[in-house]
Amino acid sequence: TTPTGDFRIWIKLRYTRMKGGSKELGTYYDLPNVPYTMYFYNEAIPKYRGYGIHGAYWHNNFGQPMSHGCINMREADVAKIYEWAHPPSTNSVTHATKESPGTLITIYGVAPKN
């Protein structure tokens, strides 16, 4: 499930490869070129947990649980948020800094049951 609460975007990646899960459990994934990725964190959810908002080219079932806790969006929609959110994009990888902290995001609610 996607964690709830207040978070900050700590890094923005124009494209990234996402890999994880377990082959034994049938949850393994290897997705190249995931677009407009914005990873977020807070004190309870550290950066290494890998929660993010990103485009999803591999499905059209938005609004339903489809990932390992990330927020999947249509590429055209997430591109607008990516350009709007801080830190401002300067290249293909942009880190938040003290001078340019990441946008504060609030995630609330309960995901629908599968």
C-alpha atoms as a PDB file:
ATOM      1  CA  THR A   1       0.000   0.000   0.000  1.00  0.00           C
ATOM      2  CA  THR A   2       0.975   3.614  -0.467  1.00  0.00           C
ATOM      3  CA  PRO A   3       1.977   5.292   2.799  1.00  0.00           C
ATOM      4  CA  THR A   4      -0.121   8.219   3.984  1.00  0.00           C
ATOM      5  CA  GLY A   5       0.992  11.476   5.569  1.00  0.00           C
ATOM      6  CA  ASP A   6       3.081  14.492   4.652  1.00  0.00           C
ATOM      7  CA  PHE A   7       6.194  13.946   2.528  1.00  0.00           C
ATOM      8  CA  ARG A   8       8.824  15.871   0.593  1.00  0.00           C
ATOM      9  CA  ILE A   9      10.052  15.095  -2.894  1.00  0.00           C
ATOM     10  CA  TRP A  10      13.770  14.439  -2.539  1.00  0.00           C
ATOM     11  CA  ILE A  11      14.744  13.543  -6.110  1.00  0.00           C
ATOM     12  CA  LYS A  12      13.257  13.855  -9.592  1.00  0.00           C
ATOM     13  CA  LEU A  13      14.323  11.526 -12.411  1.00  0.00           C
ATOM     14  CA  ARG A  14      13.194  12.161 -15.982  1.00  0.00           C
ATOM     15  CA  TYR A  15      13.546   8.408 -16.650  1.00  0.00           C
ATOM     16  CA  THR A  16      14.638   5.579 -14.392  1.00  0.00           C
ATOM     17  CA  ARG A  17      14.713   1.781 -14.263  1.00  0.00           C
ATOM     18  CA  MET A  18      12.655   0.186 -11.484  1.00  0.00           C
ATOM     19  CA  LYS A  19      13.415  -3.346 -10.343  1.00  0.00           C
ATOM     20  CA  GLY A  20      12.277  -5.275  -7.315  1.00  0.00           C
ATOM     21  CA  GLY A  21       9.927  -7.827  -5.876  1.00  0.00           C
ATOM     22  CA  SER A  22      10.520 -11.580  -5.734  1.00  0.00           C
ATOM     23  CA  LYS A  23      10.683 -14.079  -8.581  1.00  0.00           C
ATOM     24  CA  GLU A  24       9.737 -16.848  -6.139  1.00  0.00           C
ATOM     25  CA  LEU A  25       6.593 -14.994  -5.050  1.00  0.00           C
ATOM     26  CA  GLY A  26       5.709 -13.860  -8.569  1.00  0.00           C
ATOM     27  CA  THR A  27       6.054 -10.185  -7.644  1.00  0.00           C
ATOM     28  CA  TYR A  28       9.271  -9.451  -9.565  1.00  0.00           C
ATOM     29  CA  TYR A  29       9.306  -6.464 -11.892  1.00  0.00           C
ATOM     30  CA  ASP A  30      11.925  -4.872 -14.144  1.00  0.00           C
ATOM     31  CA  LEU A  31      10.651  -1.719 -15.837  1.00  0.00           C
ATOM     32  CA  PRO A  32      13.035   0.356 -17.968  1.00  0.00           C
ATOM     33  CA  ASN A  33      12.514   4.050 -18.713  1.00  0.00           C
ATOM     34  CA  VAL A  34       9.849   4.803 -16.103  1.00  0.00           C
ATOM     35  CA  PRO A  35       9.006   8.449 -16.894  1.00  0.00           C
ATOM     36  CA  TYR A  36       8.745  11.496 -14.635  1.00  0.00           C
ATOM     37  CA  THR A  37       9.666   9.811 -11.360  1.00  0.00           C
ATOM     38  CA  MET A  38       9.528  11.813  -8.127  1.00  0.00           C
ATOM     39  CA  TYR A  39      10.591   9.922  -5.012  1.00  0.00           C
ATOM     40  CA  PHE A  40       9.286  11.146  -1.650  1.00  0.00           C
ATOM     41  CA  TYR A  41      10.122  10.573   2.022  1.00  0.00           C
ATOM     42  CA  ASN A  42       9.502  11.722   5.596  1.00  0.00           C
ATOM     43  CA  GLU A  43      10.838  10.806   9.046  1.00  0.00           C
ATOM     44  CA  ALA A  44       8.799   7.577   9.152  1.00  0.00           C
ATOM     45  CA  ILE A  45       9.362   6.575   5.507  1.00  0.00           C
ATOM     46  CA  PRO A  46      13.073   6.910   4.648  1.00  0.00           C
ATOM     47  CA  LYS A  47      14.384   7.549   1.145  1.00  0.00           C
ATOM     48  CA  TYR A  48      15.645   3.987   0.664  1.00  0.00           C
ATOM     49  CA  ARG A  49      12.067   2.637   0.786  1.00  0.00           C
ATOM     50  CA  GLY A  50      11.615   3.928  -2.779  1.00  0.00           C
ATOM     51  CA  TYR A  51       8.081   5.313  -2.744  1.00  0.00           C
ATOM     52  CA  GLY A  52       7.361   7.607  -5.659  1.00  0.00           C
ATOM     53  CA  ILE A  53       4.979   9.237  -8.070  1.00  0.00           C
ATOM     54  CA  HIS A  54       5.655   8.329 -11.707  1.00  0.00           C
ATOM     55  CA  GLY A  55       4.247   7.655 -15.121  1.00  0.00           C
ATOM     56  CA  ALA A  56       3.106   4.130 -15.950  1.00  0.00           C
ATOM     57  CA  TYR A  57       3.207   2.930 -19.559  1.00  0.00           C
ATOM     58  CA  TRP A  58       2.477  -0.724 -18.717  1.00  0.00           C
ATOM     59  CA  HIS A  59      -1.168  -0.388 -17.644  1.00  0.00           C
ATOM     60  CA  ASN A  60      -4.272   1.814 -17.895  1.00  0.00           C
ATOM     61  CA  ASN A  61      -5.909   0.731 -14.647  1.00  0.00           C
ATOM     62  CA  PHE A  62      -5.343   4.011 -12.805  1.00  0.00           C
ATOM     63  CA  GLY A  63      -7.024   4.448  -9.426  1.00  0.00           C
ATOM     64  CA  GLN A  64      -6.552   0.770  -8.550  1.00  0.00           C
ATOM     65  CA  PRO A  65      -3.650  -0.791  -6.604  1.00  0.00           C
ATOM     66  CA  MET A  66      -1.113  -1.757  -9.283  1.00  0.00           C
ATOM     67  CA  SER A  67       2.304  -1.296  -7.729  1.00  0.00           C
ATOM     68  CA  HIS A  68       4.459  -1.786  -4.678  1.00  0.00           C
ATOM     69  CA  GLY A  69       3.147   1.411  -3.090  1.00  0.00           C
ATOM     70  CA  CYS A  70       4.009   3.961  -5.754  1.00  0.00           C
ATOM     71  CA  ILE A  71       1.465   6.343  -7.231  1.00  0.00           C
ATOM     72  CA  ASN A  72       1.084   5.538 -10.943  1.00  0.00           C
ATOM     73  CA  MET A  73      -0.186   8.228 -13.309  1.00  0.00           C
ATOM     74  CA  ARG A  74      -0.763   8.718 -17.017  1.00  0.00           C
ATOM     75  CA  GLU A  75       2.411  10.095 -18.573  1.00  0.00           C
ATOM     76  CA  ALA A  76       0.780  13.318 -19.830  1.00  0.00           C
ATOM     77  CA  ASP A  77      -0.630  14.051 -16.353  1.00  0.00           C
ATOM     78  CA  VAL A  78       2.495  13.267 -14.341  1.00  0.00           C
ATOM     79  CA  ALA A  79       4.625  15.319 -16.763  1.00  0.00           C
ATOM     80  CA  LYS A  80       2.715  18.451 -15.694  1.00  0.00           C
ATOM     81  CA  ILE A  81       3.232  17.713 -12.004  1.00  0.00           C
ATOM     82  CA  TYR A  82       6.904  16.895 -12.601  1.00  0.00           C
ATOM     83  CA  GLU A  83       7.513  20.291 -14.209  1.00  0.00           C
ATOM     84  CA  TRP A  84       5.517  22.114 -11.532  1.00  0.00           C
ATOM     85  CA  ALA A  85       7.028  20.371  -8.476  1.00  0.00           C
ATOM     86  CA  HIS A  86      10.210  21.455  -6.728  1.00  0.00           C
ATOM     87  CA  PRO A  87      13.083  21.135  -6.975  1.00  0.00           C
ATOM     88  CA  PRO A  88      12.972  22.727 -10.447  1.00  0.00           C
ATOM     89  CA  SER A  89      14.212  20.305 -13.104  1.00  0.00           C
ATOM     90  CA  THR A  90      17.649  21.235 -14.373  1.00  0.00           C
ATOM     91  CA  ASN A  91      18.602  17.987 -16.096  1.00  0.00           C
ATOM     92  CA  SER A  92      17.632  14.309 -16.106  1.00  0.00           C
ATOM     93  CA  VAL A  93      18.351  13.949 -12.348  1.00  0.00           C
ATOM     94  CA  THR A  94      17.488  16.732  -9.907  1.00  0.00           C
ATOM     95  CA  HIS A  95      18.001  16.541  -6.126  1.00  0.00           C
ATOM     96  CA  ALA A  96      16.263  18.715  -3.558  1.00  0.00           C
ATOM     97  CA  THR A  97      18.617  20.962  -1.606  1.00  0.00           C
ATOM     98  CA  LYS A  98      18.419  23.202   1.437  1.00  0.00           C
ATOM     99  CA  GLU A  99      18.018  26.159  -0.915  1.00  0.00           C
ATOM    100  CA  SER A 100      15.444  24.356  -3.080  1.00  0.00           C
ATOM    101  CA  PRO A 101      13.582  21.836  -0.923  1.00  0.00           C
ATOM    102  CA  GLY A 102      11.239  19.380  -2.539  1.00  0.00           C
ATOM    103  CA  THR A 103       7.540  20.097  -2.814  1.00  0.00           C
ATOM    104  CA  LEU A 104       5.484  19.092   0.216  1.00  0.00           C
ATOM    105  CA  ILE A 105       2.903  16.468  -0.725  1.00  0.00           C
ATOM    106  CA  THR A 106       0.107  15.022   1.391  1.00  0.00           C
ATOM    107  CA  ILE A 107      -1.198  11.519   0.732  1.00  0.00           C
ATOM    108  CA  TYR A 108      -4.420  10.553   2.474  1.00  0.00           C
ATOM    109  CA  GLY A 109      -7.225   8.078   2.215  1.00  0.00           C
ATOM    110  CA  VAL A 110      -7.386   4.330   1.887  1.00  0.00           C
ATOM    111  CA  ALA A 111      -6.610   2.444  -1.303  1.00  0.00           C
ATOM    112  CA  PRO A 112      -9.450   0.365  -2.772  1.00  0.00           C
ATOM    113  CA  LYS A 113      -9.313  -3.366  -2.073  1.00  0.00           C
ATOM    114  CA  ASN A 114      -8.235  -5.660  -4.917  1.00  0.00           C
END
